[in-house]
Amino acid sequence: MASRRYVATAASVAIALVALTGCGSDGDAEREYVDKLSRAGYEAVTVSAETKKSTGRKNRKRKSTVAYDFTWQVNTDSDPATCEVTLEHPAYNSKSLRGDHWHVDEVDDEDVEGWGGNSPDPDTVRKLLREHSYDC
């Protein structure tokens, strides 16, 4: 009888530890996007959540994460001028990214669309900036 109680207690403790140590914890999507960008060749990656406010049930205001943004200062030539490029990865919420890819969302705070396809690496972004006549 005592050994069954011990096994049940040990199993309960193990389940509690798994639940508390990151399985599905907040920020999984953010961490995943940072990892994707780092693997693609971006350095010193810090991303920020893009949130949307909405009114939920019972007229309660809610904030939900709709995307993650990475703002990157890039230089494409030898002069000191740089451009600020924002790469965006859509998200369902703070725990789950939407789709597999990010895209170029803005250059110097101007929206751009259709640049570079899915998940452009740093060299592709530099090439796109030159193609679209940005002096970076």
N, C-alpha and C. Protein backbone atom coordinates (compact mmCIF):
# COMPACT_ATOMS: atom_id res chain seq x y z
N MET A 1 0.81 -1.17 0.00
CA MET A 1 0.00 0.00 0.00
C MET A 1 0.87 1.26 0.00
N ALA A 2 1.91 1.27 0.83
CA ALA A 2 2.78 2.43 0.94
C ALA A 2 3.51 2.69 -0.37
N SER A 3 3.91 1.62 -1.10
CA SER A 3 4.63 1.82 -2.35
C SER A 3 3.71 2.42 -3.41
N ARG A 4 2.43 2.07 -3.42
CA ARG A 4 1.49 2.67 -4.37
C ARG A 4 1.32 4.16 -4.08
N ARG A 5 1.24 4.51 -2.82
CA ARG A 5 1.10 5.91 -2.44
C ARG A 5 2.35 6.68 -2.87
N TYR A 6 3.53 6.08 -2.70
CA TYR A 6 4.79 6.70 -3.10
C TYR A 6 4.81 6.93 -4.61
N VAL A 7 4.40 5.93 -5.40
CA VAL A 7 4.39 6.05 -6.86
C VAL A 7 3.42 7.14 -7.29
N ALA A 8 2.24 7.18 -6.67
CA ALA A 8 1.26 8.21 -7.01
C ALA A 8 1.78 9.61 -6.68
N THR A 9 2.43 9.76 -5.55
CA THR A 9 2.99 11.05 -5.16
C THR A 9 4.12 11.46 -6.10
N ALA A 10 5.00 10.53 -6.43
CA ALA A 10 6.11 10.81 -7.35
C ALA A 10 5.57 11.21 -8.72
N ALA A 11 4.55 10.55 -9.20
CA ALA A 11 3.96 10.89 -10.50
C ALA A 11 3.35 12.29 -10.45
N SER A 12 2.69 12.63 -9.37
CA SER A 12 2.09 13.97 -9.24
C SER A 12 3.17 15.05 -9.25
N VAL A 13 4.25 14.81 -8.53
CA VAL A 13 5.35 15.77 -8.50
C VAL A 13 5.97 15.91 -9.88
N ALA A 14 6.16 14.82 -10.59
CA ALA A 14 6.74 14.87 -11.94
C ALA A 14 5.86 15.66 -12.89
N ILE A 15 4.57 15.47 -12.83
CA ILE A 15 3.65 16.21 -13.70
C ILE A 15 3.69 17.70 -13.37
N ALA A 16 3.73 18.03 -12.10
CA ALA A 16 3.80 19.43 -11.69
C ALA A 16 5.09 20.08 -12.18
N LEU A 17 6.21 19.39 -12.09
CA LEU A 17 7.49 19.94 -12.55
C LEU A 17 7.48 20.17 -14.05
N VAL A 18 6.93 19.23 -14.81
CA VAL A 18 6.86 19.39 -16.26
C VAL A 18 6.00 20.60 -16.60
N ALA A 19 4.90 20.77 -15.92
CA ALA A 19 4.01 21.90 -16.18
C ALA A 19 4.67 23.24 -15.86
N LEU A 20 5.54 23.28 -14.87
CA LEU A 20 6.17 24.53 -14.47
C LEU A 20 7.45 24.85 -15.22
N THR A 21 8.02 23.93 -15.94
CA THR A 21 9.34 24.16 -16.54
C THR A 21 9.28 24.39 -18.03
N GLY A 22 8.33 25.19 -18.48
CA GLY A 22 8.43 25.66 -19.84
C GLY A 22 7.63 24.91 -20.87
N CYS A 23 7.00 23.84 -20.57
CA CYS A 23 6.18 23.18 -21.57
C CYS A 23 4.94 24.02 -21.77
N GLY A 24 4.93 24.81 -22.85
CA GLY A 24 3.79 25.66 -23.11
C GLY A 24 3.78 26.95 -22.30
N SER A 25 4.92 27.36 -21.77
CA SER A 25 4.94 28.57 -20.96
C SER A 25 4.90 29.80 -21.88
N ASP A 26 4.57 30.96 -21.31
CA ASP A 26 4.53 32.19 -22.07
C ASP A 26 5.89 32.45 -22.70
N GLY A 27 5.89 33.02 -23.90
CA GLY A 27 7.12 33.38 -24.56
C GLY A 27 7.70 32.31 -25.46
N ASP A 28 7.04 31.18 -25.62
CA ASP A 28 7.58 30.15 -26.50
C ASP A 28 7.69 30.65 -27.93
N ALA A 29 6.71 31.41 -28.41
CA ALA A 29 6.74 31.92 -29.78
C ALA A 29 7.88 32.91 -29.95
N GLU A 30 8.07 33.77 -28.97
CA GLU A 30 9.17 34.74 -29.02
C GLU A 30 10.51 34.04 -29.10
N ARG A 31 10.71 33.06 -28.27
CA ARG A 31 11.96 32.30 -28.25
C ARG A 31 12.17 31.56 -29.58
N GLU A 32 11.09 31.02 -30.14
CA GLU A 32 11.19 30.30 -31.41
C GLU A 32 11.60 31.24 -32.54
N TYR A 33 11.03 32.46 -32.57
CA TYR A 33 11.37 33.43 -33.61
C TYR A 33 12.82 33.88 -33.48
N VAL A 34 13.27 34.12 -32.27
CA VAL A 34 14.68 34.48 -32.04
C VAL A 34 15.59 33.37 -32.57
N ASP A 35 15.25 32.13 -32.28
CA ASP A 35 16.05 31.00 -32.75
C ASP A 35 16.07 30.93 -34.28
N LYS A 36 14.92 31.13 -34.91
CA LYS A 36 14.85 31.09 -36.38
C LYS A 36 15.73 32.18 -37.00
N LEU A 37 15.63 33.39 -36.47
CA LEU A 37 16.44 34.50 -37.01
C LEU A 37 17.92 34.25 -36.80
N SER A 38 18.29 33.75 -35.65
CA SER A 38 19.70 33.46 -35.36
C SER A 38 20.23 32.40 -36.31
N ARG A 39 19.46 31.36 -36.55
CA ARG A 39 19.88 30.30 -37.49
C ARG A 39 20.01 30.83 -38.91
N ALA A 40 19.22 31.87 -39.26
CA ALA A 40 19.28 32.45 -40.61
C ALA A 40 20.47 33.38 -40.79
N GLY A 41 21.17 33.73 -39.69
CA GLY A 41 22.35 34.56 -39.80
C GLY A 41 22.24 35.95 -39.19
N TYR A 42 21.11 36.28 -38.62
CA TYR A 42 20.98 37.58 -37.94
C TYR A 42 21.69 37.49 -36.60
N GLU A 43 22.30 38.61 -36.19
CA GLU A 43 23.05 38.65 -34.93
C GLU A 43 22.38 39.57 -33.93
N ALA A 44 22.65 39.34 -32.66
CA ALA A 44 22.11 40.17 -31.56
C ALA A 44 20.61 40.35 -31.71
N VAL A 45 19.90 39.26 -31.83
CA VAL A 45 18.47 39.28 -32.10
C VAL A 45 17.67 39.51 -30.82
N THR A 46 16.85 40.55 -30.86
CA THR A 46 15.88 40.83 -29.81
C THR A 46 14.57 41.14 -30.51
N VAL A 47 13.52 40.45 -30.16
CA VAL A 47 12.24 40.67 -30.80
C VAL A 47 11.25 41.27 -29.81
N SER A 48 10.23 41.91 -30.35
CA SER A 48 9.19 42.49 -29.50
C SER A 48 7.83 42.02 -29.99
N ALA A 49 6.93 41.86 -29.06
CA ALA A 49 5.58 41.41 -29.39
C ALA A 49 4.77 42.58 -29.93
N GLU A 50 4.01 42.32 -30.98
CA GLU A 50 3.06 43.29 -31.50
C GLU A 50 1.70 42.85 -31.00
N THR A 51 1.05 43.70 -30.24
CA THR A 51 -0.22 43.31 -29.62
C THR A 51 -1.38 44.11 -30.19
N LYS A 52 -2.55 43.52 -30.05
CA LYS A 52 -3.79 44.17 -30.49
C LYS A 52 -4.74 44.15 -29.31
N LYS A 53 -5.39 45.27 -29.09
CA LYS A 53 -6.38 45.33 -28.02
C LYS A 53 -7.76 45.06 -28.60
N SER A 54 -8.54 44.30 -27.86
CA SER A 54 -9.90 44.01 -28.29
C SER A 54 -10.79 43.90 -27.06
N THR A 55 -12.07 43.94 -27.29
CA THR A 55 -13.03 43.78 -26.20
C THR A 55 -13.56 42.37 -26.27
N GLY A 56 -13.38 41.63 -25.21
CA GLY A 56 -13.80 40.24 -25.16
C GLY A 56 -15.19 40.10 -24.55
N ARG A 57 -15.46 38.92 -24.09
CA ARG A 57 -16.74 38.66 -23.43
C ARG A 57 -16.88 39.56 -22.22
N LYS A 58 -18.09 39.90 -21.93
CA LYS A 58 -18.42 40.73 -20.77
C LYS A 58 -17.71 42.09 -20.83
N ASN A 59 -17.44 42.57 -22.06
CA ASN A 59 -16.81 43.88 -22.29
C ASN A 59 -15.48 44.06 -21.57
N ARG A 60 -14.76 42.99 -21.39
CA ARG A 60 -13.43 43.08 -20.79
C ARG A 60 -12.41 43.34 -21.89
N LYS A 61 -11.54 44.29 -21.65
CA LYS A 61 -10.49 44.59 -22.63
C LYS A 61 -9.40 43.53 -22.54
N ARG A 62 -8.96 43.07 -23.73
CA ARG A 62 -7.91 42.05 -23.79
C ARG A 62 -6.82 42.50 -24.73
N LYS A 63 -5.61 42.12 -24.41
CA LYS A 63 -4.47 42.33 -25.30
C LYS A 63 -4.04 40.96 -25.78
N SER A 64 -3.87 40.83 -27.09
CA SER A 64 -3.38 39.56 -27.60
C SER A 64 -2.23 39.81 -28.57
N THR A 65 -1.27 38.91 -28.55
CA THR A 65 -0.12 39.00 -29.43
C THR A 65 -0.52 38.54 -30.82
N VAL A 66 -0.27 39.39 -31.83
CA VAL A 66 -0.63 39.04 -33.20
C VAL A 66 0.60 38.83 -34.08
N ALA A 67 1.77 39.29 -33.62
CA ALA A 67 3.00 39.10 -34.39
C ALA A 67 4.20 39.42 -33.50
N TYR A 68 5.37 39.04 -33.99
CA TYR A 68 6.63 39.42 -33.36
C TYR A 68 7.47 40.18 -34.38
N ASP A 69 8.08 41.27 -33.94
CA ASP A 69 8.88 42.12 -34.82
C ASP A 69 10.34 42.09 -34.40
N PHE A 70 11.21 42.12 -35.41
CA PHE A 70 12.65 42.26 -35.20
C PHE A 70 13.08 43.48 -36.00
N THR A 71 13.61 44.49 -35.32
CA THR A 71 14.08 45.70 -35.98
C THR A 71 15.59 45.60 -36.12
N TRP A 72 16.04 45.78 -37.35
CA TRP A 72 17.44 45.53 -37.69
C TRP A 72 18.03 46.76 -38.38
N GLN A 73 19.14 47.28 -37.88
CA GLN A 73 19.88 48.36 -38.52
C GLN A 73 20.82 47.72 -39.54
N VAL A 74 20.68 48.10 -40.80
CA VAL A 74 21.46 47.45 -41.84
C VAL A 74 22.19 48.48 -42.69
N ASN A 75 23.40 48.11 -43.10
CA ASN A 75 24.20 48.93 -43.99
C ASN A 75 24.52 48.08 -45.20
N THR A 76 24.26 48.61 -46.40
CA THR A 76 24.48 47.81 -47.62
C THR A 76 25.70 48.25 -48.41
N ASP A 77 26.33 49.36 -47.99
CA ASP A 77 27.50 49.83 -48.74
C ASP A 77 28.52 50.43 -47.77
N SER A 78 29.51 51.16 -48.32
CA SER A 78 30.60 51.63 -47.47
C SER A 78 30.31 52.97 -46.77
N ASP A 79 29.25 53.67 -47.16
CA ASP A 79 28.97 54.94 -46.47
C ASP A 79 28.30 54.67 -45.12
N PRO A 80 28.26 55.66 -44.23
CA PRO A 80 27.75 55.42 -42.88
C PRO A 80 26.22 55.34 -42.77
N ALA A 81 25.51 55.65 -43.84
CA ALA A 81 24.04 55.63 -43.79
C ALA A 81 23.52 54.21 -43.56
N THR A 82 22.50 54.09 -42.73
CA THR A 82 21.88 52.79 -42.47
C THR A 82 20.38 52.91 -42.68
N CYS A 83 19.73 51.77 -42.79
CA CYS A 83 18.28 51.68 -42.87
C CYS A 83 17.81 50.84 -41.70
N GLU A 84 16.60 51.13 -41.27
CA GLU A 84 15.98 50.33 -40.22
C GLU A 84 14.94 49.43 -40.88
N VAL A 85 15.18 48.14 -40.82
CA VAL A 85 14.30 47.15 -41.44
C VAL A 85 13.58 46.39 -40.34
N THR A 86 12.27 46.27 -40.48
CA THR A 86 11.48 45.49 -39.52
C THR A 86 11.03 44.20 -40.18
N LEU A 87 11.46 43.10 -39.59
CA LEU A 87 11.03 41.78 -40.04
C LEU A 87 9.91 41.33 -39.10
N GLU A 88 8.85 40.76 -39.66
CA GLU A 88 7.71 40.39 -38.85
C GLU A 88 7.33 38.93 -39.06
N HIS A 89 7.01 38.26 -37.97
CA HIS A 89 6.51 36.88 -38.01
C HIS A 89 5.13 36.89 -37.38
N PRO A 90 4.08 36.55 -38.14
CA PRO A 90 2.74 36.50 -37.56
C PRO A 90 2.67 35.46 -36.44
N ALA A 91 1.77 35.70 -35.49
CA ALA A 91 1.61 34.79 -34.36
C ALA A 91 0.12 34.62 -34.04
N TYR A 92 -0.20 33.46 -33.53
CA TYR A 92 -1.56 33.24 -33.01
C TYR A 92 -1.69 33.89 -31.64
N ASN A 93 -0.64 33.78 -30.85
CA ASN A 93 -0.60 34.31 -29.49
C ASN A 93 0.85 34.23 -29.02
N SER A 94 1.09 34.45 -27.74
CA SER A 94 2.47 34.43 -27.24
C SER A 94 3.08 33.03 -27.18
N LYS A 95 2.27 32.03 -27.40
CA LYS A 95 2.76 30.65 -27.32
C LYS A 95 2.95 30.00 -28.68
N SER A 96 2.41 30.62 -29.75
CA SER A 96 2.41 29.93 -31.03
C SER A 96 2.57 30.91 -32.19
N LEU A 97 3.58 30.65 -33.03
CA LEU A 97 3.75 31.43 -34.25
C LEU A 97 2.75 30.95 -35.30
N ARG A 98 2.36 31.86 -36.20
CA ARG A 98 1.44 31.51 -37.28
C ARG A 98 2.28 31.26 -38.53
N GLY A 99 2.22 30.06 -39.06
CA GLY A 99 3.00 29.74 -40.24
C GLY A 99 4.46 29.48 -39.91
N ASP A 100 5.25 29.30 -40.95
CA ASP A 100 6.66 28.95 -40.77
C ASP A 100 7.62 30.08 -41.10
N HIS A 101 7.11 31.21 -41.61
CA HIS A 101 8.02 32.20 -42.18
C HIS A 101 7.77 33.61 -41.68
N TRP A 102 8.83 34.43 -41.75
CA TRP A 102 8.73 35.86 -41.49
C TRP A 102 8.87 36.59 -42.81
N HIS A 103 8.62 37.89 -42.79
CA HIS A 103 8.70 38.70 -44.00
C HIS A 103 9.20 40.10 -43.65
N VAL A 104 9.63 40.84 -44.68
CA VAL A 104 10.02 42.22 -44.49
C VAL A 104 8.73 43.03 -44.37
N ASP A 105 8.56 43.73 -43.26
CA ASP A 105 7.32 44.47 -43.01
C ASP A 105 7.47 45.96 -43.27
N GLU A 106 8.60 46.54 -42.84
CA GLU A 106 8.83 47.97 -42.99
C GLU A 106 10.30 48.25 -43.27
N VAL A 107 10.53 49.35 -43.99
CA VAL A 107 11.87 49.89 -44.15
C VAL A 107 11.78 51.37 -43.80
N ASP A 108 12.56 51.79 -42.83
CA ASP A 108 12.53 53.17 -42.34
C ASP A 108 11.11 53.64 -42.06
N ASP A 109 10.37 52.82 -41.35
CA ASP A 109 8.99 53.10 -40.93
C ASP A 109 7.98 53.23 -42.07
N GLU A 110 8.32 52.75 -43.25
CA GLU A 110 7.38 52.71 -44.37
C GLU A 110 7.03 51.26 -44.66
N ASP A 111 5.73 50.98 -44.79
CA ASP A 111 5.29 49.62 -45.08
C ASP A 111 5.77 49.18 -46.45
N VAL A 112 6.19 47.93 -46.54
CA VAL A 112 6.54 47.33 -47.83
C VAL A 112 5.80 45.99 -47.92
N GLU A 113 5.49 45.60 -49.14
CA GLU A 113 4.78 44.33 -49.33
C GLU A 113 5.44 43.52 -50.43
N GLY A 114 5.45 42.21 -50.23
CA GLY A 114 5.94 41.30 -51.25
C GLY A 114 7.44 41.26 -51.43
N TRP A 115 8.16 41.68 -50.43
CA TRP A 115 9.62 41.69 -50.54
C TRP A 115 10.20 40.36 -50.12
N GLY A 116 10.95 39.73 -51.00
CA GLY A 116 11.85 38.65 -50.63
C GLY A 116 11.22 37.30 -50.32
N GLY A 117 9.93 37.16 -50.48
CA GLY A 117 9.33 35.85 -50.22
C GLY A 117 9.37 35.48 -48.76
N ASN A 118 9.54 34.22 -48.51
CA ASN A 118 9.49 33.69 -47.15
C ASN A 118 10.85 33.70 -46.48
N SER A 119 10.90 34.27 -45.29
CA SER A 119 12.06 34.22 -44.41
C SER A 119 13.36 34.64 -45.07
N PRO A 120 13.45 35.89 -45.56
CA PRO A 120 14.69 36.32 -46.19
C PRO A 120 15.84 36.41 -45.19
N ASP A 121 17.02 35.94 -45.62
CA ASP A 121 18.21 36.02 -44.78
C ASP A 121 18.83 37.41 -44.92
N PRO A 122 19.86 37.73 -44.12
CA PRO A 122 20.45 39.07 -44.18
C PRO A 122 20.94 39.49 -45.57
N ASP A 123 21.58 38.58 -46.31
CA ASP A 123 22.07 38.93 -47.64
C ASP A 123 20.92 39.24 -48.59
N THR A 124 19.83 38.51 -48.49
CA THR A 124 18.67 38.76 -49.34
C THR A 124 18.06 40.12 -49.02
N VAL A 125 17.97 40.46 -47.74
CA VAL A 125 17.42 41.77 -47.36
C VAL A 125 18.31 42.89 -47.89
N ARG A 126 19.63 42.75 -47.78
CA ARG A 126 20.54 43.77 -48.32
C ARG A 126 20.35 43.93 -49.82
N LYS A 127 20.24 42.81 -50.51
CA LYS A 127 20.03 42.82 -51.97
C LYS A 127 18.72 43.53 -52.31
N LEU A 128 17.65 43.25 -51.57
CA LEU A 128 16.36 43.88 -51.81
C LEU A 128 16.42 45.39 -51.59
N LEU A 129 17.15 45.81 -50.57
CA LEU A 129 17.30 47.25 -50.32
C LEU A 129 17.99 47.94 -51.49
N ARG A 130 19.04 47.31 -52.02
CA ARG A 130 19.74 47.89 -53.18
C ARG A 130 18.82 47.91 -54.40
N GLU A 131 18.07 46.82 -54.63
CA GLU A 131 17.15 46.74 -55.78
C GLU A 131 16.07 47.81 -55.73
N HIS A 132 15.65 48.17 -54.52
CA HIS A 132 14.59 49.17 -54.37
C HIS A 132 15.15 50.56 -54.08
N SER A 133 16.44 50.74 -54.38
CA SER A 133 17.13 52.05 -54.34
C SER A 133 17.16 52.71 -52.96
N TYR A 134 17.28 51.91 -51.92
CA TYR A 134 17.49 52.47 -50.58
C TYR A 134 18.99 52.68 -50.39
N ASP A 135 19.37 53.84 -49.89
CA ASP A 135 20.77 54.16 -49.63
C ASP A 135 21.06 53.81 -48.16
N CYS A 136 21.56 52.63 -47.98
CA CYS A 136 21.83 52.15 -46.61
C CYS A 136 23.32 51.92 -46.47
